[in-house]
C-alpha atoms as a PDB file:
ATOM      1  CA  MET A   1      26.605  30.246  24.606  1.00  0.00           C
ATOM      2  CA  LEU A   2      23.726  29.407  26.931  1.00  0.00           C
ATOM      3  CA  TRP A   3      21.763  32.374  25.533  1.00  0.00           C
ATOM      4  CA  ILE A   4      21.287  30.565  22.190  1.00  0.00           C
ATOM      5  CA  PRO A   5      19.141  27.625  23.383  1.00  0.00           C
ATOM      6  CA  ILE A   6      17.348  29.928  25.831  1.00  0.00           C
ATOM      7  CA  THR A   7      16.416  32.354  23.024  1.00  0.00           C
ATOM      8  CA  ILE A   8      15.214  29.528  20.781  1.00  0.00           C
ATOM      9  CA  ALA A   9      13.166  28.094  23.657  1.00  0.00           C
ATOM     10  CA  ALA A  10      11.634  31.516  24.362  1.00  0.00           C
ATOM     11  CA  ALA A  11      10.654  31.873  20.690  1.00  0.00           C
ATOM     12  CA  GLY A  12       9.128  28.392  20.795  1.00  0.00           C
ATOM     13  CA  PHE A  13       7.129  29.154  23.954  1.00  0.00           C
ATOM     14  CA  GLN A  14       5.875  32.402  22.402  1.00  0.00           C
ATOM     15  CA  THR A  15       4.808  30.672  19.186  1.00  0.00           C
ATOM     16  CA  ALA A  16       3.055  27.875  21.079  1.00  0.00           C
ATOM     17  CA  ARG A  17       1.217  30.386  23.275  1.00  0.00           C
ATOM     18  CA  THR A  18      -0.033  32.374  20.305  1.00  0.00           C
ATOM     19  CA  ALA A  19      -1.063  29.206  18.445  1.00  0.00           C
ATOM     20  CA  LEU A  20      -3.119  28.079  21.445  1.00  0.00           C
ATOM     21  CA  GLN A  21      -4.762  31.511  21.633  1.00  0.00           C
ATOM     22  CA  HIS A  22      -5.553  31.225  17.932  1.00  0.00           C
ATOM     23  CA  ARG A  23      -7.219  27.838  18.509  1.00  0.00           C
ATOM     24  CA  LEU A  24      -9.413  29.272  21.274  1.00  0.00           C
ATOM     25  CA  ARG A  25     -11.490  31.119  18.671  1.00  0.00           C
ATOM     26  CA  ASP A  26     -14.159  28.378  18.738  1.00  0.00           C
ATOM     27  CA  VAL A  27     -14.984  29.205  22.367  1.00  0.00           C
ATOM     28  CA  LEU A  28     -13.691  32.766  22.921  1.00  0.00           C
ATOM     29  CA  ASN A  29     -13.675  36.037  20.983  1.00  0.00           C
ATOM     30  CA  PRO A  30     -10.292  37.727  20.328  1.00  0.00           C
ATOM     31  CA  SER A  31     -10.540  39.955  23.402  1.00  0.00           C
ATOM     32  CA  ALA A  32     -11.220  37.080  25.804  1.00  0.00           C
ATOM     33  CA  ALA A  33      -8.580  34.910  24.120  1.00  0.00           C
ATOM     34  CA  GLY A  34      -6.075  37.684  24.752  1.00  0.00           C
ATOM     35  CA  PHE A  35      -7.198  38.025  28.383  1.00  0.00           C
ATOM     36  CA  VAL A  36      -6.289  34.445  29.308  1.00  0.00           C
ATOM     37  CA  ARG A  37      -2.637  35.310  28.753  1.00  0.00           C
ATOM     38  CA  TYR A  38      -2.740  37.678  31.716  1.00  0.00           C
ATOM     39  CA  VAL A  39      -5.265  36.169  34.109  1.00  0.00           C
ATOM     40  CA  TYR A  40      -3.366  32.868  34.278  1.00  0.00           C
ATOM     41  CA  GLY A  41       0.080  34.338  33.747  1.00  0.00           C
ATOM     42  CA  ALA A  42      -0.098  36.844  36.624  1.00  0.00           C
ATOM     43  CA  PRO A  43      -0.382  34.303  39.498  1.00  0.00           C
ATOM     44  CA  ILE A  44       2.520  32.265  38.094  1.00  0.00           C
ATOM     45  CA  ALA A  45       4.728  35.353  37.743  1.00  0.00           C
ATOM     46  CA  LEU A  46       3.805  36.521  41.262  1.00  0.00           C
ATOM     47  CA  LEU A  47       4.638  33.089  42.698  1.00  0.00           C
ATOM     48  CA  ALA A  48       8.005  33.166  40.920  1.00  0.00           C
ATOM     49  CA  VAL A  49       8.780  36.588  42.414  1.00  0.00           C
ATOM     50  CA  ALA A  50       7.729  35.371  45.872  1.00  0.00           C
ATOM     51  CA  ALA A  51       9.881  32.244  45.547  1.00  0.00           C
ATOM     52  CA  ALA A  52      12.912  34.305  44.524  1.00  0.00           C
ATOM     53  CA  TRP A  53      12.345  36.693  47.439  1.00  0.00           C
ATOM     54  CA  VAL A  54      12.078  33.807  49.923  1.00  0.00           C
ATOM     55  CA  ALA A  55      15.291  32.403  48.443  1.00  0.00           C
ATOM     56  CA  GLY A  56      17.063  35.626  49.403  1.00  0.00           C
ATOM     57  CA  VAL A  57      16.953  37.755  46.251  1.00  0.00           C
ATOM     58  CA  SER A  58      16.583  41.395  47.301  1.00  0.00           C
ATOM     59  CA  MET A  59      13.648  43.354  45.913  1.00  0.00           C
ATOM     60  CA  PRO A  60      14.622  46.316  43.700  1.00  0.00           C
ATOM     61  CA  SER A  61      13.636  49.856  44.624  1.00  0.00           C
ATOM     62  CA  VAL A  62      10.879  51.336  42.475  1.00  0.00           C
ATOM     63  CA  ALA A  63      11.091  54.820  40.962  1.00  0.00           C
ATOM     64  CA  ALA A  64       7.868  56.777  40.398  1.00  0.00           C
ATOM     65  CA  ARG A  65       8.259  56.609  36.591  1.00  0.00           C
ATOM     66  CA  PHE A  66       7.851  52.810  36.782  1.00  0.00           C
ATOM     67  CA  TRP A  67       4.070  53.011  37.131  1.00  0.00           C
ATOM     68  CA  PRO A  68       3.072  55.083  34.076  1.00  0.00           C
ATOM     69  CA  ALA A  69       5.565  53.135  31.947  1.00  0.00           C
ATOM     70  CA  ILE A  70       4.250  49.725  32.997  1.00  0.00           C
ATOM     71  CA  ILE A  71       0.583  50.740  32.632  1.00  0.00           C
ATOM     72  CA  ALA A  72       1.174  52.223  29.175  1.00  0.00           C
ATOM     73  CA  GLY A  73       3.164  49.176  28.084  1.00  0.00           C
ATOM     74  CA  GLY A  74       0.551  46.810  29.491  1.00  0.00           C
ATOM     75  CA  VAL A  75      -2.364  48.516  27.726  1.00  0.00           C
ATOM     76  CA  ALA A  76      -0.442  48.579  24.435  1.00  0.00           C
ATOM     77  CA  GLN A  77       0.238  44.853  24.788  1.00  0.00           C
ATOM     78  CA  ILE A  78      -3.454  44.137  25.463  1.00  0.00           C
ATOM     79  CA  LEU A  79      -4.515  46.014  22.324  1.00  0.00           C
ATOM     80  CA  GLY A  80      -1.690  44.481  20.280  1.00  0.00           C
ATOM     81  CA  THR A  81      -2.670  40.938  21.291  1.00  0.00           C
ATOM     82  CA  VAL A  82      -6.308  41.517  20.345  1.00  0.00           C
ATOM     83  CA  ALA A  83      -5.260  43.027  17.002  1.00  0.00           C
ATOM     84  CA  LEU A  84      -2.990  40.039  16.284  1.00  0.00           C
ATOM     85  CA  LEU A  85      -5.773  37.532  17.008  1.00  0.00           C
ATOM     86  CA  ARG A  86      -8.095  39.491  14.713  1.00  0.00           C
ATOM     87  CA  ALA A  87      -5.430  39.334  11.983  1.00  0.00           C
ATOM     88  CA  PHE A  88      -5.414  35.528  12.313  1.00  0.00           C
ATOM     89  CA  ALA A  89      -9.172  35.457  11.787  1.00  0.00           C
ATOM     90  CA  HIS A  90      -8.860  37.337   8.467  1.00  0.00           C
ATOM     91  CA  ARG A  91      -5.916  35.371   7.059  1.00  0.00           C
ATOM     92  CA  ASP A  92      -4.111  32.680   9.051  1.00  0.00           C
ATOM     93  CA  PHE A  93      -1.703  32.146  11.919  1.00  0.00           C
ATOM     94  CA  ALA A  94       1.560  32.373   9.992  1.00  0.00           C
ATOM     95  CA  VAL A  95       0.692  35.372   7.808  1.00  0.00           C
ATOM     96  CA  GLY A  96      -0.721  37.320  10.752  1.00  0.00           C
ATOM     97  CA  THR A  97       2.525  36.716  12.643  1.00  0.00           C
ATOM     98  CA  VAL A  98       4.597  37.975   9.702  1.00  0.00           C
ATOM     99  CA  PHE A  99       2.674  41.258   9.646  1.00  0.00           C
ATOM    100  CA  ALA A 100       3.215  41.674  13.394  1.00  0.00           C
ATOM    101  CA  LYS A 101       6.957  41.049  12.938  1.00  0.00           C
ATOM    102  CA  THR A 102       7.231  44.529  11.423  1.00  0.00           C
ATOM    103  CA  GLU A 103       7.377  45.612  15.074  1.00  0.00           C
ATOM    104  CA  VAL A 104      11.174  45.995  14.796  1.00  0.00           C
ATOM    105  CA  VAL A 105      10.900  48.380  11.835  1.00  0.00           C
ATOM    106  CA  GLN A 106       8.062  50.347  13.408  1.00  0.00           C
ATOM    107  CA  VAL A 107      10.029  50.787  16.646  1.00  0.00           C
ATOM    108  CA  ALA A 108      12.910  52.195  14.589  1.00  0.00           C
ATOM    109  CA  VAL A 109      10.570  54.706  12.967  1.00  0.00           C
ATOM    110  CA  PHE A 110       9.061  55.603  16.373  1.00  0.00           C
ATOM    111  CA  SER A 111      12.586  56.169  17.697  1.00  0.00           C
ATOM    112  CA  LEU A 112      13.295  58.617  14.878  1.00  0.00           C
ATOM    113  CA  ALA A 113      10.012  60.498  15.293  1.00  0.00           C
ATOM    114  CA  VAL A 114       9.883  60.573  19.103  1.00  0.00           C
ATOM    115  CA  LEU A 115      13.483  60.323  20.257  1.00  0.00           C
ATOM    116  CA  GLY A 116      15.352  61.706  17.247  1.00  0.00           C
ATOM    117  CA  GLU A 117      17.395  58.503  16.893  1.00  0.00           C
ATOM    118  CA  PRO A 118      17.809  57.833  13.153  1.00  0.00           C
ATOM    119  CA  LEU A 119      18.736  54.515  11.553  1.00  0.00           C
ATOM    120  CA  ARG A 120      21.958  54.037   9.621  1.00  0.00           C
ATOM    121  CA  PHE A 121      21.770  53.500   5.863  1.00  0.00           C
ATOM    122  CA  GLY A 122      21.637  49.709   6.190  1.00  0.00           C
ATOM    123  CA  GLY A 123      18.734  50.014   8.595  1.00  0.00           C
ATOM    124  CA  TRP A 124      16.715  52.188   6.234  1.00  0.00           C
ATOM    125  CA  LEU A 125      17.459  49.743   3.404  1.00  0.00           C
ATOM    126  CA  GLY A 126      16.148  46.938   5.603  1.00  0.00           C
ATOM    127  CA  ALA A 127      13.027  48.972   6.397  1.00  0.00           C
ATOM    128  CA  ALA A 128      12.417  49.443   2.660  1.00  0.00           C
ATOM    129  CA  VAL A 129      12.827  45.706   1.992  1.00  0.00           C
ATOM    130  CA  CYS A 130      10.471  44.896   4.847  1.00  0.00           C
ATOM    131  CA  THR A 131       7.881  47.345   3.476  1.00  0.00           C
ATOM    132  CA  VAL A 132       8.028  45.708   0.027  1.00  0.00           C
ATOM    133  CA  GLY A 133       7.516  42.309   1.630  1.00  0.00           C
ATOM    134  CA  VAL A 134       4.514  43.542   3.619  1.00  0.00           C
ATOM    135  CA  VAL A 135       2.908  45.095   0.535  1.00  0.00           C
ATOM    136  CA  LEU A 136       3.343  41.891  -1.506  1.00  0.00           C
ATOM    137  CA  LEU A 137       2.052  39.730   1.337  1.00  0.00           C
ATOM    138  CA  ALA A 138      -0.958  41.992   1.829  1.00  0.00           C
ATOM    139  CA  ALA A 139      -1.781  41.994  -1.880  1.00  0.00           C
ATOM    140  CA  HIS A 140      -1.951  38.168  -1.765  1.00  0.00           C
ATOM    141  CA  GLY A 141      -1.542  37.663  -5.487  1.00  0.00           C
ATOM    142  CA  GLN A 142      -3.881  40.505  -6.460  1.00  0.00           C
ATOM    143  CA  ARG A 143      -2.924  43.607  -8.396  1.00  0.00           C
ATOM    144  CA  LEU A 144      -1.055  46.110  -6.244  1.00  0.00           C
ATOM    145  CA  THR A 145      -3.944  48.475  -5.626  1.00  0.00           C
ATOM    146  CA  TRP A 146      -4.684  50.413  -2.450  1.00  0.00           C
ATOM    147  CA  SER A 147      -7.782  48.298  -1.752  1.00  0.00           C
ATOM    148  CA  ALA A 148      -5.765  45.075  -2.119  1.00  0.00           C
ATOM    149  CA  VAL A 149      -3.093  46.224   0.303  1.00  0.00           C
ATOM    150  CA  ARG A 150      -5.620  47.693   2.745  1.00  0.00           C
ATOM    151  CA  GLN A 151      -7.056  44.296   3.696  1.00  0.00           C
ATOM    152  CA  PRO A 152      -8.080  43.659   7.330  1.00  0.00           C
ATOM    153  CA  ALA A 153      -5.354  41.062   7.984  1.00  0.00           C
ATOM    154  CA  ALA A 154      -2.631  43.534   7.021  1.00  0.00           C
ATOM    155  CA  LEU A 155      -4.158  46.426   8.949  1.00  0.00           C
ATOM    156  CA  TYR A 156      -4.681  44.368  12.103  1.00  0.00           C
ATOM    157  CA  GLY A 157      -1.251  42.735  11.808  1.00  0.00           C
ATOM    158  CA  LEU A 158       0.574  46.020  11.295  1.00  0.00           C
ATOM    159  CA  ALA A 159      -1.387  47.573  14.169  1.00  0.00           C
ATOM    160  CA  ALA A 160      -0.339  44.641  16.347  1.00  0.00           C
ATOM    161  CA  GLY A 161       3.305  45.158  15.408  1.00  0.00           C
ATOM    162  CA  GLY A 162       3.157  48.857  16.224  1.00  0.00           C
ATOM    163  CA  LEU A 163       1.401  48.269  19.545  1.00  0.00           C
ATOM    164  CA  PHE A 164       3.879  45.549  20.513  1.00  0.00           C
ATOM    165  CA  GLY A 165       6.650  48.007  19.704  1.00  0.00           C
ATOM    166  CA  LEU A 166       5.116  50.590  22.025  1.00  0.00           C
ATOM    167  CA  ALA A 167       4.673  47.885  24.663  1.00  0.00           C
ATOM    168  CA  ALA A 168       8.351  46.967  24.392  1.00  0.00           C
ATOM    169  CA  ILE A 169       9.319  50.610  24.939  1.00  0.00           C
ATOM    170  CA  GLY A 170       7.069  50.799  28.007  1.00  0.00           C
ATOM    171  CA  ILE A 171       8.411  47.532  29.441  1.00  0.00           C
ATOM    172  CA  ARG A 172      12.008  48.624  28.889  1.00  0.00           C
ATOM    173  CA  GLY A 173      11.296  51.971  30.545  1.00  0.00           C
ATOM    174  CA  ALA A 174       9.663  50.239  33.521  1.00  0.00           C
ATOM    175  CA  THR A 175      12.542  47.791  33.947  1.00  0.00           C
ATOM    176  CA  LYS A 176      15.064  50.651  33.896  1.00  0.00           C
ATOM    177  CA  ALA A 177      13.036  52.353  36.654  1.00  0.00           C
ATOM    178  CA  LEU A 178      13.883  49.463  39.012  1.00  0.00           C
ATOM    179  CA  ASP A 179      17.163  49.773  40.899  1.00  0.00           C
ATOM    180  CA  GLY A 180      19.050  46.915  42.512  1.00  0.00           C
ATOM    181  CA  GLY A 181      18.909  43.150  42.163  1.00  0.00           C
ATOM    182  CA  PRO A 182      19.695  40.843  39.209  1.00  0.00           C
ATOM    183  CA  VAL A 183      18.508  41.870  35.753  1.00  0.00           C
ATOM    184  CA  VAL A 184      16.448  38.701  35.355  1.00  0.00           C
ATOM    185  CA  PHE A 185      14.680  39.327  38.676  1.00  0.00           C
ATOM    186  CA  LYS A 186      13.880  42.923  37.707  1.00  0.00           C
ATOM    187  CA  ALA A 187      12.378  41.642  34.457  1.00  0.00           C
ATOM    188  CA  LEU A 188      10.328  39.088  36.413  1.00  0.00           C
ATOM    189  CA  VAL A 189       9.041  41.779  38.805  1.00  0.00           C
ATOM    190  CA  THR A 190       8.098  43.941  35.816  1.00  0.00           C
ATOM    191  CA  LEU A 191       6.258  41.007  34.228  1.00  0.00           C
ATOM    192  CA  ALA A 192       4.378  40.184  37.449  1.00  0.00           C
ATOM    193  CA  VAL A 193       3.259  43.789  37.966  1.00  0.00           C
ATOM    194  CA  MET A 194       2.290  44.233  34.327  1.00  0.00           C
ATOM    195  CA  ASN A 195       0.307  40.986  34.121  1.00  0.00           C
ATOM    196  CA  SER A 196      -1.499  41.882  37.360  1.00  0.00           C
ATOM    197  CA  ALA A 197      -2.405  45.334  36.032  1.00  0.00           C
ATOM    198  CA  GLN A 198      -3.509  43.812  32.704  1.00  0.00           C
ATOM    199  CA  THR A 199      -5.734  41.331  34.530  1.00  0.00           C
ATOM    200  CA  VAL A 200      -7.475  44.173  36.368  1.00  0.00           C
ATOM    201  CA  ILE A 201      -7.753  46.468  33.322  1.00  0.00           C
ATOM    202  CA  HIS A 202      -8.754  43.895  30.721  1.00  0.00           C
ATOM    203  CA  GLY A 203     -10.832  41.859  33.171  1.00  0.00           C
ATOM    204  CA  GLY A 204     -12.696  44.977  34.241  1.00  0.00           C
ATOM    205  CA  TRP A 205     -13.449  45.852  30.631  1.00  0.00           C
ATOM    206  CA  LEU A 206     -14.753  42.337  29.917  1.00  0.00           C
ATOM    207  CA  ALA A 207     -16.866  42.389  33.101  1.00  0.00           C
ATOM    208  CA  TRP A 208     -18.439  45.624  31.889  1.00  0.00           C
ATOM    209  CA  ARG A 209     -18.813  44.836  28.196  1.00  0.00           C
ATOM    210  CA  ASP A 210     -18.906  41.040  27.790  1.00  0.00           C
ATOM    211  CA  ARG A 211     -19.447  39.131  31.033  1.00  0.00           C
ATOM    212  CA  ALA A 212     -20.329  35.902  29.200  1.00  0.00           C
ATOM    213  CA  GLN A 213     -16.916  35.803  27.491  1.00  0.00           C
ATOM    214  CA  LEU A 214     -15.212  36.559  30.816  1.00  0.00           C
ATOM    215  CA  GLY A 215     -16.932  33.531  32.356  1.00  0.00           C
ATOM    216  CA  ARG A 216     -15.830  31.289  29.497  1.00  0.00           C
ATOM    217  CA  THR A 217     -12.162  32.074  30.162  1.00  0.00           C
ATOM    218  CA  PHE A 218     -12.602  30.179  33.464  1.00  0.00           C
ATOM    219  CA  THR A 219     -15.085  27.465  32.455  1.00  0.00           C
ATOM    220  CA  HIS A 220     -12.677  26.388  29.702  1.00  0.00           C
ATOM    221  CA  TRP A 221      -9.670  26.535  32.032  1.00  0.00           C
ATOM    222  CA  ARG A 222      -8.159  23.301  30.710  1.00  0.00           C
ATOM    223  CA  ARG A 223      -7.634  25.016  27.363  1.00  0.00           C
ATOM    224  CA  THR A 224      -6.880  28.518  28.625  1.00  0.00           C
ATOM    225  CA  LEU A 225      -4.495  27.775  31.519  1.00  0.00           C
ATOM    226  CA  PRO A 226      -1.637  26.566  29.246  1.00  0.00           C
ATOM    227  CA  VAL A 227      -1.667  29.962  27.502  1.00  0.00           C
ATOM    228  CA  GLY A 228      -0.736  31.698  30.753  1.00  0.00           C
ATOM    229  CA  VAL A 229       1.951  29.120  31.559  1.00  0.00           C
ATOM    230  CA  LEU A 230       3.553  29.423  28.120  1.00  0.00           C
ATOM    231  CA  SER A 231       3.353  33.226  28.298  1.00  0.00           C
ATOM    232  CA  VAL A 232       5.337  33.364  31.543  1.00  0.00           C
ATOM    233  CA  CYS A 233       7.869  30.792  30.282  1.00  0.00           C
ATOM    234  CA  GLY A 234       8.412  32.791  27.087  1.00  0.00           C
ATOM    235  CA  SER A 235       8.764  36.127  28.875  1.00  0.00           C
ATOM    236  CA  ALA A 236      11.171  34.653  31.429  1.00  0.00           C
ATOM    237  CA  GLY A 237      13.202  33.144  28.598  1.00  0.00           C
ATOM    238  CA  TRP A 238      13.551  36.472  26.783  1.00  0.00           C
ATOM    239  CA  ALA A 239      14.569  38.203  30.018  1.00  0.00           C
ATOM    240  CA  TRP A 240      17.156  35.507  30.781  1.00  0.00           C
ATOM    241  CA  ALA A 241      18.614  35.642  27.272  1.00  0.00           C
ATOM    242  CA  LEU A 242      18.869  39.447  27.394  1.00  0.00           C
ATOM    243  CA  ALA A 243      20.680  39.169  30.710  1.00  0.00           C
ATOM    244  CA  LEU A 244      23.279  36.875  29.128  1.00  0.00           C
ATOM    245  CA  GLU A 245      23.823  38.532  25.728  1.00  0.00           C
ATOM    246  CA  ASN A 246      23.336  41.924  24.062  1.00  0.00           C
ATOM    247  CA  ALA A 247      19.903  42.789  22.726  1.00  0.00           C
ATOM    248  CA  ALA A 248      20.900  42.915  19.040  1.00  0.00           C
ATOM    249  CA  LYS A 249      22.078  39.303  19.016  1.00  0.00           C
ATOM    250  CA  VAL A 250      19.071  38.068  20.993  1.00  0.00           C
ATOM    251  CA  ARG A 251      16.592  39.931  18.765  1.00  0.00           C
ATOM    252  CA  THR A 252      18.318  38.600  15.649  1.00  0.00           C
ATOM    253  CA  LEU A 253      18.255  34.974  16.744  1.00  0.00           C
ATOM    254  CA  GLY A 254      14.727  35.534  18.051  1.00  0.00           C
ATOM    255  CA  GLN A 255      13.525  35.905  14.471  1.00  0.00           C
ATOM    256  CA  VAL A 256      13.715  32.101  14.334  1.00  0.00           C
ATOM    257  CA  GLU A 257      10.169  32.483  15.660  1.00  0.00           C
ATOM    258  CA  LEU A 258       8.980  32.967  12.074  1.00  0.00           C
ATOM    259  CA  LEU A 259      10.448  29.609  11.029  1.00  0.00           C
ATOM    260  CA  ILE A 260       8.833  27.939  14.042  1.00  0.00           C
ATOM    261  CA  THR A 261       5.561  29.705  13.206  1.00  0.00           C
ATOM    262  CA  PHE A 262       5.438  28.378   9.644  1.00  0.00           C
ATOM    263  CA  THR A 263       6.255  24.878  10.928  1.00  0.00           C
ATOM    264  CA  VAL A 264       3.440  25.032  13.493  1.00  0.00           C
ATOM    265  CA  SER A 265       1.102  26.544  10.899  1.00  0.00           C
ATOM    266  CA  HIS A 266       1.766  23.686   8.469  1.00  0.00           C
ATOM    267  CA  ARG A 267       2.149  20.714  10.808  1.00  0.00           C
ATOM    268  CA  LEU A 268      -0.349  21.433  13.580  1.00  0.00           C
ATOM    269  CA  LEU A 269      -2.892  23.858  12.136  1.00  0.00           C
ATOM    270  CA  GLY A 270      -3.004  22.399   8.625  1.00  0.00           C
ATOM    271  CA  GLU A 271      -2.505  25.784   6.928  1.00  0.00           C
ATOM    272  CA  ARG A 272      -1.040  25.865   3.428  1.00  0.00           C
ATOM    273  CA  HIS A 273       0.871  28.751   1.854  1.00  0.00           C
ATOM    274  CA  GLU A 274       1.640  29.690  -1.729  1.00  0.00           C
ATOM    275  CA  ARG A 275       5.165  30.365  -2.971  1.00  0.00           C
ATOM    276  CA  GLY A 276       4.377  34.063  -3.273  1.00  0.00           C
ATOM    277  CA  GLU A 277       3.433  34.236   0.407  1.00  0.00           C
ATOM    278  CA  MET A 278       6.626  32.435   1.385  1.00  0.00           C
ATOM    279  CA  ALA A 279       8.753  34.788  -0.755  1.00  0.00           C
ATOM    280  CA  ALA A 280       7.052  37.891   0.657  1.00  0.00           C
ATOM    281  CA  SER A 281       7.509  36.571   4.198  1.00  0.00           C
ATOM    282  CA  ALA A 282      11.195  35.995   3.462  1.00  0.00           C
ATOM    283  CA  LEU A 283      11.502  39.647   2.385  1.00  0.00           C
ATOM    284  CA  VAL A 284       9.900  40.784   5.639  1.00  0.00           C
ATOM    285  CA  LEU A 285      12.303  38.607   7.633  1.00  0.00           C
ATOM    286  CA  ALA A 286      15.311  39.887   5.645  1.00  0.00           C
ATOM    287  CA  GLY A 287      14.243  43.483   6.237  1.00  0.00           C
ATOM    288  CA  VAL A 288      13.772  42.925   9.969  1.00  0.00           C
ATOM    289  CA  LEU A 289      17.190  41.303  10.263  1.00  0.00           C
ATOM    290  CA  ALA A 290      18.798  44.189   8.362  1.00  0.00           C
ATOM    291  CA  VAL A 291      17.234  46.712  10.742  1.00  0.00           C
ATOM    292  CA  VAL A 292      18.461  44.733  13.761  1.00  0.00           C
ATOM    293  CA  LEU A 293      21.992  44.114  12.432  1.00  0.00           C
ATOM    294  CA  LEU A 294      22.668  47.232  10.349  1.00  0.00           C
ATOM    295  CA  GLY A 295      20.316  49.862  11.759  1.00  0.00           C
END
């Protein structure tokens, strides 16, 4: 049963990391706030890989398909993180996270369209419930018109969910392209390579387009460094949990992140939510769980 506290801890690390990124908006724009996740996370992940190798863990062999998968997944995660932080700016931390949680449903739809893997009836029912919840949350008490639903917070949040779904597919494909060694170590190698590539790609873009923001990610290191630490801790936690228990159970329990998010939103960020928002968020959570358990 060790996977249960590990999964809850991973969800907590992930929520704390995103909350800290959200609070960086007074010194960094969304792109730079997303970058700190990689620039400080990469050295920690590389050190962890080096420590495991020195301890005697054998390095896995790398198939050629690893590289396009990890680059595609890394770029999707960069764009998804920026979209999520923009969603926070238009609404708040908790609501933006709820929109992004549609990742599970969007991945199911991608699987049908790209891989021809349909959901079962219960999964489609969950997708419908999730969609209703998203529409109600986006409307935010207004009449259900297209303009009400098409608000920036919803569009950015849903984009983040879709991009995170694509990132998850890329990361899974990259991990499966590694042969040999413990599952957790393969996940750690994947994380180290991906964070390193993201640092180069995203850092290069910032150096070209916004050098001032790039500099601030280092001058404010006391605030930005914890984001990288929490990112690696969360990713390692998810990898460890998935090595101990099947993905469906881990993903289901991982939805506790929404409960942690609303607690952090209320207690630490001082955000307040109406009953309608809470009810719509509950519908989204119910739909996601149905897709995971019944899809």
